[in-house]
N, C-alpha and C. Protein backbone atom coordinates (compact mmCIF):
# COMPACT_ATOMS: atom_id res chain seq x y z
N MET A 1 1.84 38.16 -229.83
CA MET A 1 1.03 37.51 -230.85
C MET A 1 1.44 38.23 -232.17
N PRO A 2 1.64 37.38 -233.19
CA PRO A 2 2.10 37.90 -234.50
C PRO A 2 0.94 38.74 -235.07
N GLU A 3 1.36 39.72 -235.93
CA GLU A 3 0.41 40.57 -236.61
C GLU A 3 -0.27 39.77 -237.68
N ARG A 4 -1.54 39.98 -237.82
CA ARG A 4 -2.24 39.28 -238.93
C ARG A 4 -2.37 40.16 -240.18
N GLU A 5 -2.41 39.53 -241.26
CA GLU A 5 -2.52 40.25 -242.54
C GLU A 5 -3.94 40.74 -242.63
N ALA A 6 -4.17 41.76 -243.46
CA ALA A 6 -5.51 42.28 -243.65
C ALA A 6 -6.41 41.14 -244.27
N PRO A 7 -7.71 41.15 -243.91
CA PRO A 7 -8.62 40.10 -244.48
C PRO A 7 -8.54 40.21 -246.05
N VAL A 8 -8.71 39.03 -246.59
CA VAL A 8 -8.71 38.92 -248.04
C VAL A 8 -10.14 39.57 -248.44
N MET A 9 -10.19 40.14 -249.59
CA MET A 9 -11.40 40.78 -250.11
C MET A 9 -12.59 39.82 -249.93
N GLY A 10 -13.61 40.28 -249.26
CA GLY A 10 -14.85 39.48 -249.07
C GLY A 10 -14.86 38.59 -247.89
N VAL A 11 -13.71 38.29 -247.24
CA VAL A 11 -13.67 37.47 -246.16
C VAL A 11 -14.30 37.96 -244.88
N ASP A 12 -14.28 39.25 -244.81
CA ASP A 12 -14.88 39.93 -243.63
C ASP A 12 -16.36 40.12 -243.81
N ASP A 13 -16.88 39.83 -245.00
CA ASP A 13 -18.30 39.98 -245.35
C ASP A 13 -19.06 38.90 -244.61
N VAL A 14 -20.17 39.30 -243.95
CA VAL A 14 -20.94 38.42 -243.14
C VAL A 14 -21.53 37.26 -244.04
N ASP A 15 -21.94 37.57 -245.28
CA ASP A 15 -22.43 36.50 -246.15
C ASP A 15 -21.43 35.46 -246.47
N GLU A 16 -20.20 35.85 -246.74
CA GLU A 16 -19.06 34.92 -246.96
C GLU A 16 -18.77 34.14 -245.78
N VAL A 17 -18.70 34.70 -244.62
CA VAL A 17 -18.43 33.90 -243.39
C VAL A 17 -19.63 32.90 -243.13
N THR A 18 -20.80 33.42 -243.32
CA THR A 18 -22.01 32.53 -243.13
C THR A 18 -21.89 31.28 -244.05
N ARG A 19 -21.57 31.59 -245.34
CA ARG A 19 -21.40 30.52 -246.35
C ARG A 19 -20.43 29.50 -245.89
N ALA A 20 -19.22 29.97 -245.35
CA ALA A 20 -18.12 29.07 -244.94
C ALA A 20 -18.65 28.28 -243.65
N VAL A 21 -19.37 28.89 -242.75
CA VAL A 21 -19.84 28.18 -241.61
C VAL A 21 -20.90 27.19 -242.01
N LEU A 22 -21.83 27.48 -243.00
CA LEU A 22 -22.76 26.48 -243.49
C LEU A 22 -22.06 25.29 -244.12
N THR A 23 -21.05 25.55 -244.85
CA THR A 23 -20.28 24.46 -245.46
C THR A 23 -19.61 23.58 -244.45
N ALA A 24 -19.02 24.20 -243.41
CA ALA A 24 -18.44 23.46 -242.26
C ALA A 24 -19.49 22.72 -241.51
N SER A 25 -20.67 23.24 -241.32
CA SER A 25 -21.76 22.50 -240.69
C SER A 25 -22.22 21.30 -241.49
N ARG A 26 -22.21 21.41 -242.77
CA ARG A 26 -22.51 20.18 -243.60
C ARG A 26 -21.53 19.08 -243.34
N LEU A 27 -20.19 19.45 -243.27
CA LEU A 27 -19.15 18.50 -243.08
C LEU A 27 -19.36 17.88 -241.65
N LEU A 28 -19.69 18.65 -240.63
CA LEU A 28 -19.86 18.17 -239.27
C LEU A 28 -21.05 17.27 -239.18
N VAL A 29 -22.08 17.59 -239.94
CA VAL A 29 -23.31 16.69 -239.97
C VAL A 29 -22.94 15.37 -240.62
N ALA A 30 -22.18 15.43 -241.70
CA ALA A 30 -21.71 14.21 -242.34
C ALA A 30 -20.94 13.39 -241.46
N VAL A 31 -19.97 13.98 -240.70
CA VAL A 31 -19.19 13.21 -239.75
C VAL A 31 -20.11 12.53 -238.66
N SER A 32 -21.09 13.35 -238.20
CA SER A 32 -22.01 12.83 -237.24
C SER A 32 -22.80 11.55 -237.77
N ALA A 33 -23.29 11.74 -238.97
CA ALA A 33 -24.06 10.63 -239.58
C ALA A 33 -23.20 9.51 -239.79
N ARG A 34 -21.96 9.63 -240.23
CA ARG A 34 -21.01 8.49 -240.42
C ARG A 34 -20.77 7.78 -239.16
N SER A 35 -20.67 8.59 -237.96
CA SER A 35 -20.32 7.91 -236.72
C SER A 35 -21.47 7.08 -236.22
N LEU A 36 -22.76 7.43 -236.67
CA LEU A 36 -23.99 6.68 -236.28
C LEU A 36 -24.16 5.51 -237.24
N SER A 37 -23.49 5.48 -238.32
CA SER A 37 -23.77 4.44 -239.41
C SER A 37 -23.76 3.02 -238.89
N ALA A 38 -22.84 2.66 -237.98
CA ALA A 38 -22.77 1.26 -237.47
C ALA A 38 -23.87 0.87 -236.60
N VAL A 39 -24.65 1.85 -236.00
CA VAL A 39 -25.78 1.58 -235.16
C VAL A 39 -27.09 2.03 -235.66
N GLU A 40 -27.13 2.57 -236.89
CA GLU A 40 -28.33 3.18 -237.35
C GLU A 40 -29.52 2.22 -237.56
N GLU A 41 -29.24 0.92 -237.57
CA GLU A 41 -30.31 -0.05 -237.64
C GLU A 41 -31.11 -0.04 -236.30
N ARG A 42 -30.39 0.28 -235.26
CA ARG A 42 -31.04 0.28 -233.84
C ARG A 42 -31.23 1.67 -233.36
N VAL A 43 -30.50 2.65 -233.74
CA VAL A 43 -30.61 3.93 -233.02
C VAL A 43 -30.69 5.05 -233.98
N THR A 44 -31.79 5.93 -233.83
CA THR A 44 -31.83 7.13 -234.67
C THR A 44 -31.04 8.29 -233.96
N LEU A 45 -30.93 9.38 -234.62
CA LEU A 45 -30.18 10.52 -234.03
C LEU A 45 -30.89 10.96 -232.81
N PRO A 46 -32.16 11.20 -232.78
CA PRO A 46 -32.80 11.63 -231.53
C PRO A 46 -32.57 10.63 -230.35
N GLN A 47 -32.66 9.36 -230.71
CA GLN A 47 -32.50 8.31 -229.76
C GLN A 47 -31.01 8.36 -229.21
N PHE A 48 -30.07 8.63 -230.09
CA PHE A 48 -28.70 8.68 -229.66
C PHE A 48 -28.51 9.88 -228.70
N ARG A 49 -29.08 10.97 -229.02
CA ARG A 49 -29.16 12.12 -228.09
C ARG A 49 -29.62 11.71 -226.71
N MET A 50 -30.64 10.93 -226.66
CA MET A 50 -31.21 10.43 -225.37
C MET A 50 -30.10 9.52 -224.69
N LEU A 51 -29.45 8.71 -225.44
CA LEU A 51 -28.41 7.81 -224.91
C LEU A 51 -27.28 8.71 -224.28
N VAL A 52 -26.87 9.77 -225.06
CA VAL A 52 -25.87 10.67 -224.52
C VAL A 52 -26.31 11.38 -223.28
N ALA A 53 -27.57 11.75 -223.21
CA ALA A 53 -28.15 12.39 -222.05
C ALA A 53 -28.06 11.44 -220.84
N LEU A 54 -28.45 10.23 -220.99
CA LEU A 54 -28.44 9.24 -219.94
C LEU A 54 -27.02 8.88 -219.50
N SER A 55 -26.09 8.90 -220.54
CA SER A 55 -24.73 8.67 -220.29
C SER A 55 -24.11 9.79 -219.41
N THR A 56 -24.55 10.94 -219.68
CA THR A 56 -23.98 12.11 -218.94
C THR A 56 -24.60 12.29 -217.59
N LYS A 57 -25.98 12.16 -217.52
CA LYS A 57 -26.63 12.44 -216.32
C LYS A 57 -26.79 11.25 -215.39
N GLY A 58 -26.70 10.02 -215.94
CA GLY A 58 -26.96 8.92 -215.07
C GLY A 58 -28.53 8.66 -215.06
N ALA A 59 -28.91 7.81 -214.12
CA ALA A 59 -30.32 7.46 -213.95
C ALA A 59 -31.14 8.81 -213.81
N THR A 60 -32.27 8.84 -214.62
CA THR A 60 -32.97 10.14 -214.79
C THR A 60 -34.44 9.74 -214.89
N LYS A 61 -35.31 10.73 -214.35
CA LYS A 61 -36.71 10.56 -214.51
C LYS A 61 -37.13 10.90 -215.88
N LEU A 62 -38.15 10.32 -216.48
CA LEU A 62 -38.58 10.57 -217.80
C LEU A 62 -38.97 12.06 -217.99
N VAL A 63 -39.61 12.71 -217.18
CA VAL A 63 -39.97 14.10 -217.27
C VAL A 63 -38.68 14.95 -217.45
N SER A 64 -37.68 14.63 -216.59
CA SER A 64 -36.46 15.41 -216.61
C SER A 64 -35.75 15.25 -217.93
N LEU A 65 -35.75 14.00 -218.42
CA LEU A 65 -35.12 13.68 -219.66
C LEU A 65 -35.78 14.32 -220.78
N ALA A 66 -37.11 14.39 -220.75
CA ALA A 66 -37.94 15.02 -221.87
C ALA A 66 -37.57 16.57 -221.86
N ASP A 67 -37.52 17.18 -220.68
CA ASP A 67 -37.14 18.60 -220.57
C ASP A 67 -35.78 18.84 -221.10
N LEU A 68 -34.85 18.06 -220.74
CA LEU A 68 -33.54 18.13 -221.11
C LEU A 68 -33.31 18.07 -222.71
N LEU A 69 -34.20 17.23 -223.37
CA LEU A 69 -34.07 17.08 -224.74
C LEU A 69 -35.03 18.01 -225.53
N HIS A 70 -35.88 18.69 -224.74
CA HIS A 70 -36.89 19.59 -225.42
C HIS A 70 -37.84 18.84 -226.29
N VAL A 71 -38.31 17.71 -225.64
CA VAL A 71 -39.40 16.95 -226.36
C VAL A 71 -40.56 16.74 -225.39
N ALA A 72 -41.72 16.43 -225.92
CA ALA A 72 -42.85 16.12 -225.07
C ALA A 72 -42.55 14.82 -224.25
N PRO A 73 -43.14 14.72 -223.03
CA PRO A 73 -42.94 13.46 -222.36
C PRO A 73 -43.40 12.24 -223.07
N SER A 74 -44.48 12.39 -223.84
CA SER A 74 -44.95 11.18 -224.59
C SER A 74 -43.97 10.80 -225.72
N THR A 75 -43.35 11.76 -226.34
CA THR A 75 -42.24 11.42 -227.30
C THR A 75 -41.04 10.79 -226.59
N ALA A 76 -40.66 11.32 -225.42
CA ALA A 76 -39.58 10.64 -224.79
C ALA A 76 -39.94 9.27 -224.36
N MET A 77 -41.17 9.07 -223.93
CA MET A 77 -41.56 7.66 -223.53
C MET A 77 -41.47 6.71 -224.70
N ARG A 78 -41.94 7.16 -225.88
CA ARG A 78 -41.79 6.26 -227.06
C ARG A 78 -40.25 5.97 -227.41
N MET A 79 -39.43 7.03 -227.29
CA MET A 79 -38.01 6.85 -227.57
C MET A 79 -37.48 5.86 -226.45
N VAL A 80 -37.82 6.10 -225.17
CA VAL A 80 -37.33 5.12 -224.15
C VAL A 80 -37.69 3.73 -224.45
N ASP A 81 -39.02 3.45 -224.75
CA ASP A 81 -39.54 2.13 -225.05
C ASP A 81 -38.73 1.51 -226.18
N ARG A 82 -38.36 2.24 -227.16
CA ARG A 82 -37.54 1.69 -228.25
C ARG A 82 -36.12 1.34 -227.79
N LEU A 83 -35.60 2.23 -226.96
CA LEU A 83 -34.23 1.95 -226.47
C LEU A 83 -34.22 0.74 -225.54
N ILE A 84 -35.24 0.66 -224.71
CA ILE A 84 -35.39 -0.58 -223.82
C ILE A 84 -35.58 -1.86 -224.67
N ALA A 85 -36.37 -1.78 -225.80
CA ALA A 85 -36.60 -2.95 -226.62
C ALA A 85 -35.28 -3.33 -227.32
N ALA A 86 -34.41 -2.36 -227.62
CA ALA A 86 -33.12 -2.61 -228.21
C ALA A 86 -32.02 -3.04 -227.22
N GLY A 87 -32.38 -3.04 -225.95
CA GLY A 87 -31.40 -3.46 -224.95
C GLY A 87 -30.40 -2.35 -224.51
N LEU A 88 -30.67 -1.16 -224.90
CA LEU A 88 -29.76 0.00 -224.62
C LEU A 88 -30.06 0.80 -223.36
N ALA A 89 -31.28 0.69 -222.90
CA ALA A 89 -31.65 1.35 -221.67
C ALA A 89 -32.69 0.44 -220.85
N ASP A 90 -32.80 0.75 -219.63
CA ASP A 90 -33.79 0.06 -218.74
C ASP A 90 -34.39 1.01 -217.71
N ARG A 91 -35.38 0.50 -217.11
CA ARG A 91 -36.05 1.25 -216.02
C ARG A 91 -35.68 0.60 -214.63
N GLN A 92 -35.53 1.53 -213.64
CA GLN A 92 -35.23 0.95 -212.31
C GLN A 92 -36.01 1.83 -211.30
N THR A 93 -36.35 1.23 -210.21
CA THR A 93 -37.04 1.99 -209.08
C THR A 93 -35.99 2.81 -208.37
N SER A 94 -36.35 4.10 -208.07
CA SER A 94 -35.43 4.93 -207.34
C SER A 94 -35.20 4.36 -205.98
N PRO A 95 -33.91 4.28 -205.60
CA PRO A 95 -33.65 3.80 -204.20
C PRO A 95 -34.14 4.82 -203.16
N ALA A 96 -34.24 6.08 -203.54
CA ALA A 96 -34.66 7.11 -202.57
C ALA A 96 -36.21 7.17 -202.41
N ASP A 97 -36.96 6.80 -203.50
CA ASP A 97 -38.42 6.88 -203.45
C ASP A 97 -38.92 5.87 -204.47
N ARG A 98 -39.46 4.73 -203.83
CA ARG A 98 -39.91 3.62 -204.64
C ARG A 98 -41.09 3.94 -205.55
N ARG A 99 -41.68 5.11 -205.39
CA ARG A 99 -42.71 5.52 -206.38
C ARG A 99 -42.21 6.09 -207.63
N VAL A 100 -40.90 6.38 -207.69
CA VAL A 100 -40.31 7.07 -208.81
C VAL A 100 -39.51 6.02 -209.66
N THR A 101 -39.75 6.09 -210.96
CA THR A 101 -39.06 5.20 -211.89
C THR A 101 -37.91 5.99 -212.55
N LEU A 102 -36.77 5.44 -212.61
CA LEU A 102 -35.60 6.12 -213.30
C LEU A 102 -35.26 5.29 -214.47
N LEU A 103 -34.70 6.04 -215.53
CA LEU A 103 -34.25 5.42 -216.73
C LEU A 103 -32.69 5.49 -216.70
N ARG A 104 -32.05 4.47 -217.20
CA ARG A 104 -30.63 4.43 -217.26
C ARG A 104 -30.19 3.59 -218.36
N LEU A 105 -28.91 3.74 -218.76
CA LEU A 105 -28.25 2.98 -219.77
C LEU A 105 -27.99 1.55 -219.25
N THR A 106 -28.00 0.63 -220.18
CA THR A 106 -27.50 -0.75 -219.90
C THR A 106 -25.98 -0.72 -220.32
N GLY A 107 -25.30 -1.76 -220.07
CA GLY A 107 -23.88 -1.91 -220.50
C GLY A 107 -23.88 -1.65 -222.00
N GLU A 108 -24.84 -2.25 -222.67
CA GLU A 108 -24.82 -2.16 -224.20
C GLU A 108 -25.07 -0.72 -224.58
N GLY A 109 -25.88 0.03 -223.87
CA GLY A 109 -26.12 1.43 -224.17
C GLY A 109 -24.87 2.31 -223.98
N ARG A 110 -24.08 2.03 -222.87
CA ARG A 110 -22.86 2.71 -222.61
C ARG A 110 -21.86 2.35 -223.74
N ARG A 111 -21.81 1.12 -224.10
CA ARG A 111 -20.82 0.73 -225.18
C ARG A 111 -21.14 1.45 -226.52
N THR A 112 -22.45 1.59 -226.78
CA THR A 112 -22.90 2.22 -228.04
C THR A 112 -22.48 3.72 -228.03
N VAL A 113 -22.67 4.41 -226.91
CA VAL A 113 -22.30 5.78 -226.83
C VAL A 113 -20.76 5.86 -226.97
N ARG A 114 -19.95 5.00 -226.34
CA ARG A 114 -18.49 5.03 -226.42
C ARG A 114 -18.08 4.84 -227.87
N GLU A 115 -18.68 3.81 -228.56
CA GLU A 115 -18.29 3.51 -229.90
C GLU A 115 -18.57 4.59 -230.95
N VAL A 116 -19.73 5.17 -230.83
CA VAL A 116 -20.15 6.25 -231.80
C VAL A 116 -19.24 7.45 -231.50
N THR A 117 -19.02 7.83 -230.20
CA THR A 117 -18.22 8.93 -229.91
C THR A 117 -16.79 8.72 -230.33
N ALA A 118 -16.20 7.56 -230.16
CA ALA A 118 -14.83 7.31 -230.55
C ALA A 118 -14.77 7.38 -232.08
N ARG A 119 -15.77 6.92 -232.84
CA ARG A 119 -15.75 7.03 -234.26
C ARG A 119 -15.79 8.45 -234.71
N ARG A 120 -16.67 9.22 -234.02
CA ARG A 120 -16.79 10.70 -234.43
C ARG A 120 -15.53 11.39 -234.12
N ARG A 121 -14.92 11.16 -232.95
CA ARG A 121 -13.63 11.77 -232.61
C ARG A 121 -12.53 11.38 -233.60
N ALA A 122 -12.49 10.17 -233.97
CA ALA A 122 -11.47 9.72 -234.89
C ALA A 122 -11.60 10.40 -236.32
N ASP A 123 -12.81 10.50 -236.75
CA ASP A 123 -13.12 11.12 -238.01
C ASP A 123 -12.68 12.61 -238.03
N LEU A 124 -13.00 13.33 -236.90
CA LEU A 124 -12.65 14.72 -236.84
C LEU A 124 -11.13 14.82 -236.75
N ALA A 125 -10.46 13.91 -236.04
CA ALA A 125 -9.02 14.04 -235.87
C ALA A 125 -8.34 13.86 -237.20
N GLU A 126 -8.85 12.91 -238.07
CA GLU A 126 -8.29 12.77 -239.42
C GLU A 126 -8.44 14.02 -240.22
N ILE A 127 -9.55 14.68 -240.13
CA ILE A 127 -9.66 15.95 -240.83
C ILE A 127 -8.68 17.01 -240.33
N VAL A 128 -8.61 17.13 -239.01
CA VAL A 128 -7.70 18.16 -238.42
C VAL A 128 -6.29 17.84 -238.80
N LYS A 129 -5.91 16.57 -238.88
CA LYS A 129 -4.46 16.25 -239.21
C LYS A 129 -4.08 16.76 -240.61
N ARG A 130 -4.98 16.95 -241.48
CA ARG A 130 -4.78 17.48 -242.84
C ARG A 130 -4.38 18.92 -242.86
N LEU A 131 -4.61 19.64 -241.75
CA LEU A 131 -4.35 21.09 -241.67
C LEU A 131 -2.86 21.17 -241.17
N ASP A 132 -2.19 22.25 -241.62
CA ASP A 132 -0.90 22.51 -241.12
C ASP A 132 -1.06 23.09 -239.67
N PRO A 133 0.06 23.05 -238.83
CA PRO A 133 -0.09 23.58 -237.52
C PRO A 133 -0.65 25.00 -237.36
N GLU A 134 -0.28 25.86 -238.25
CA GLU A 134 -0.71 27.24 -238.17
C GLU A 134 -2.21 27.25 -238.46
N GLN A 135 -2.69 26.48 -239.36
CA GLN A 135 -4.17 26.42 -239.67
C GLN A 135 -4.93 25.88 -238.45
N ARG A 136 -4.29 24.94 -237.79
CA ARG A 136 -4.92 24.40 -236.52
C ARG A 136 -5.05 25.46 -235.43
N VAL A 137 -4.09 26.22 -235.32
CA VAL A 137 -4.17 27.37 -234.32
C VAL A 137 -5.25 28.37 -234.70
N ASP A 138 -5.20 28.73 -235.97
CA ASP A 138 -6.27 29.61 -236.44
C ASP A 138 -7.64 29.06 -236.32
N LEU A 139 -7.81 27.82 -236.57
CA LEU A 139 -9.12 27.11 -236.42
C LEU A 139 -9.56 27.16 -234.94
N ILE A 140 -8.69 26.86 -234.04
CA ILE A 140 -8.98 26.93 -232.63
C ILE A 140 -9.44 28.35 -232.28
N GLU A 141 -8.71 29.32 -232.65
CA GLU A 141 -9.12 30.75 -232.37
C GLU A 141 -10.54 31.02 -233.00
N ALA A 142 -10.68 30.74 -234.24
CA ALA A 142 -11.94 30.99 -234.98
C ALA A 142 -13.11 30.32 -234.36
N LEU A 143 -12.94 28.96 -234.05
CA LEU A 143 -14.07 28.26 -233.44
C LEU A 143 -14.43 28.67 -232.07
N THR A 144 -13.30 29.00 -231.28
CA THR A 144 -13.50 29.51 -229.96
C THR A 144 -14.33 30.78 -230.03
N ALA A 145 -13.99 31.66 -230.85
CA ALA A 145 -14.75 32.98 -231.00
C ALA A 145 -16.16 32.72 -231.43
N PHE A 146 -16.32 31.81 -232.40
CA PHE A 146 -17.69 31.46 -232.92
C PHE A 146 -18.50 30.80 -231.81
N ASN A 147 -17.98 29.90 -231.06
CA ASN A 147 -18.70 29.25 -229.96
C ASN A 147 -19.08 30.28 -228.85
N GLU A 148 -18.16 31.19 -228.58
CA GLU A 148 -18.50 32.16 -227.52
C GLU A 148 -19.57 33.08 -228.09
N ALA A 149 -19.48 33.53 -229.36
CA ALA A 149 -20.56 34.39 -229.91
C ALA A 149 -21.92 33.61 -229.91
N GLY A 150 -21.93 32.34 -230.02
CA GLY A 150 -23.20 31.58 -229.99
C GLY A 150 -23.62 31.14 -228.60
N GLY A 151 -22.77 31.48 -227.57
CA GLY A 151 -23.09 31.12 -226.22
C GLY A 151 -22.81 29.67 -225.85
N GLU A 152 -21.99 29.04 -226.64
CA GLU A 152 -21.69 27.59 -226.41
C GLU A 152 -20.46 27.51 -225.49
N PRO A 153 -20.54 26.89 -224.35
CA PRO A 153 -19.46 26.80 -223.41
C PRO A 153 -18.42 25.80 -224.03
N PRO A 154 -17.20 25.92 -223.64
CA PRO A 154 -16.17 25.01 -224.13
C PRO A 154 -16.41 23.52 -223.78
N VAL A 155 -15.92 22.56 -224.47
CA VAL A 155 -16.00 21.14 -224.19
C VAL A 155 -15.11 20.94 -222.94
N PRO A 156 -15.71 20.20 -221.90
CA PRO A 156 -14.81 19.95 -220.70
C PRO A 156 -13.62 19.08 -221.19
N THR A 157 -12.53 19.34 -220.48
CA THR A 157 -11.29 18.63 -220.88
C THR A 157 -10.96 17.53 -219.77
N ASP A 158 -11.78 17.44 -218.70
CA ASP A 158 -11.51 16.61 -217.67
C ASP A 158 -11.56 15.09 -218.03
N ASP A 159 -12.79 14.61 -218.41
CA ASP A 159 -12.99 13.26 -218.71
C ASP A 159 -13.92 13.02 -219.80
N PRO A 160 -13.42 12.62 -220.99
CA PRO A 160 -14.29 12.47 -222.24
C PRO A 160 -15.35 11.40 -222.00
N GLU A 161 -15.13 10.45 -221.10
CA GLU A 161 -16.11 9.42 -220.76
C GLU A 161 -17.33 10.04 -220.09
N CYS A 162 -17.15 11.09 -219.22
CA CYS A 162 -18.30 11.75 -218.52
C CYS A 162 -19.00 12.66 -219.49
N HIS A 163 -18.33 13.25 -220.50
CA HIS A 163 -18.91 14.21 -221.42
C HIS A 163 -18.59 13.70 -222.87
N PRO A 164 -19.30 12.62 -223.25
CA PRO A 164 -18.89 11.99 -224.51
C PRO A 164 -18.80 12.80 -225.73
N LEU A 165 -19.73 13.82 -225.88
CA LEU A 165 -19.68 14.64 -227.01
C LEU A 165 -19.36 16.03 -226.63
N GLY A 166 -18.88 16.26 -225.41
CA GLY A 166 -18.52 17.60 -224.94
C GLY A 166 -19.57 18.30 -224.21
N TRP A 167 -20.79 17.74 -224.05
CA TRP A 167 -21.84 18.45 -223.41
C TRP A 167 -21.75 18.27 -221.92
N ALA A 168 -21.94 19.30 -221.20
CA ALA A 168 -22.13 19.25 -219.74
C ALA A 168 -23.63 19.07 -219.48
N ASP A 169 -23.96 18.65 -218.24
CA ASP A 169 -25.41 18.31 -217.98
C ASP A 169 -26.42 19.25 -218.51
N ASP A 170 -26.30 20.44 -218.27
CA ASP A 170 -27.31 21.53 -218.65
C ASP A 170 -27.22 21.89 -220.15
N GLU A 171 -26.43 21.33 -220.94
CA GLU A 171 -26.23 21.70 -222.33
C GLU A 171 -26.75 20.68 -223.29
N LEU A 172 -27.27 19.56 -222.87
CA LEU A 172 -27.58 18.40 -223.74
C LEU A 172 -28.64 18.73 -224.75
N GLY A 173 -29.54 19.64 -224.36
CA GLY A 173 -30.66 19.90 -225.30
C GLY A 173 -30.27 20.70 -226.53
N ARG A 174 -29.05 21.13 -226.65
CA ARG A 174 -28.67 22.00 -227.73
C ARG A 174 -28.46 21.23 -229.06
N GLY A 175 -28.16 20.01 -229.08
CA GLY A 175 -27.94 19.34 -230.36
C GLY A 175 -27.17 18.03 -230.20
N ALA A 176 -26.81 17.40 -231.27
CA ALA A 176 -26.10 16.17 -231.24
C ALA A 176 -25.02 16.27 -232.25
């Protein structure tokens, strides 16, 4: 591994790094907001998080979905009702236990998750393309270290369709 130059004055300062991360987070929030712009008439950010949860987990009980998203079951129920009214989710009786109702995405709900995710991925790819190859390597190293320090597992590389925004099942409640 090549030797690194000494940090530029102030770059190792916690305040400077924090400021840079806050600036990057603003950019990431803007990319997220732009990716939702085509569906914002029908879906809010919290509702999109629910769509992603259903996309990742499949048919799910309301209480499990509320726990996963760290919201009250009554809040989850209102969100689900709106998603059902928009044609993005529906209810089904569990084949294993007819007393249990499961929530799931409709075809339109799956299409919405795919479209928003593809738009977000494309926006991020355009930004990354503006970096030279060495900066990309540095960014991978820095973000990997940052994610590890924050306890965020890496994005699965197996199937982006199964993990539309990189979340594994038990990680969905962390954000959108």
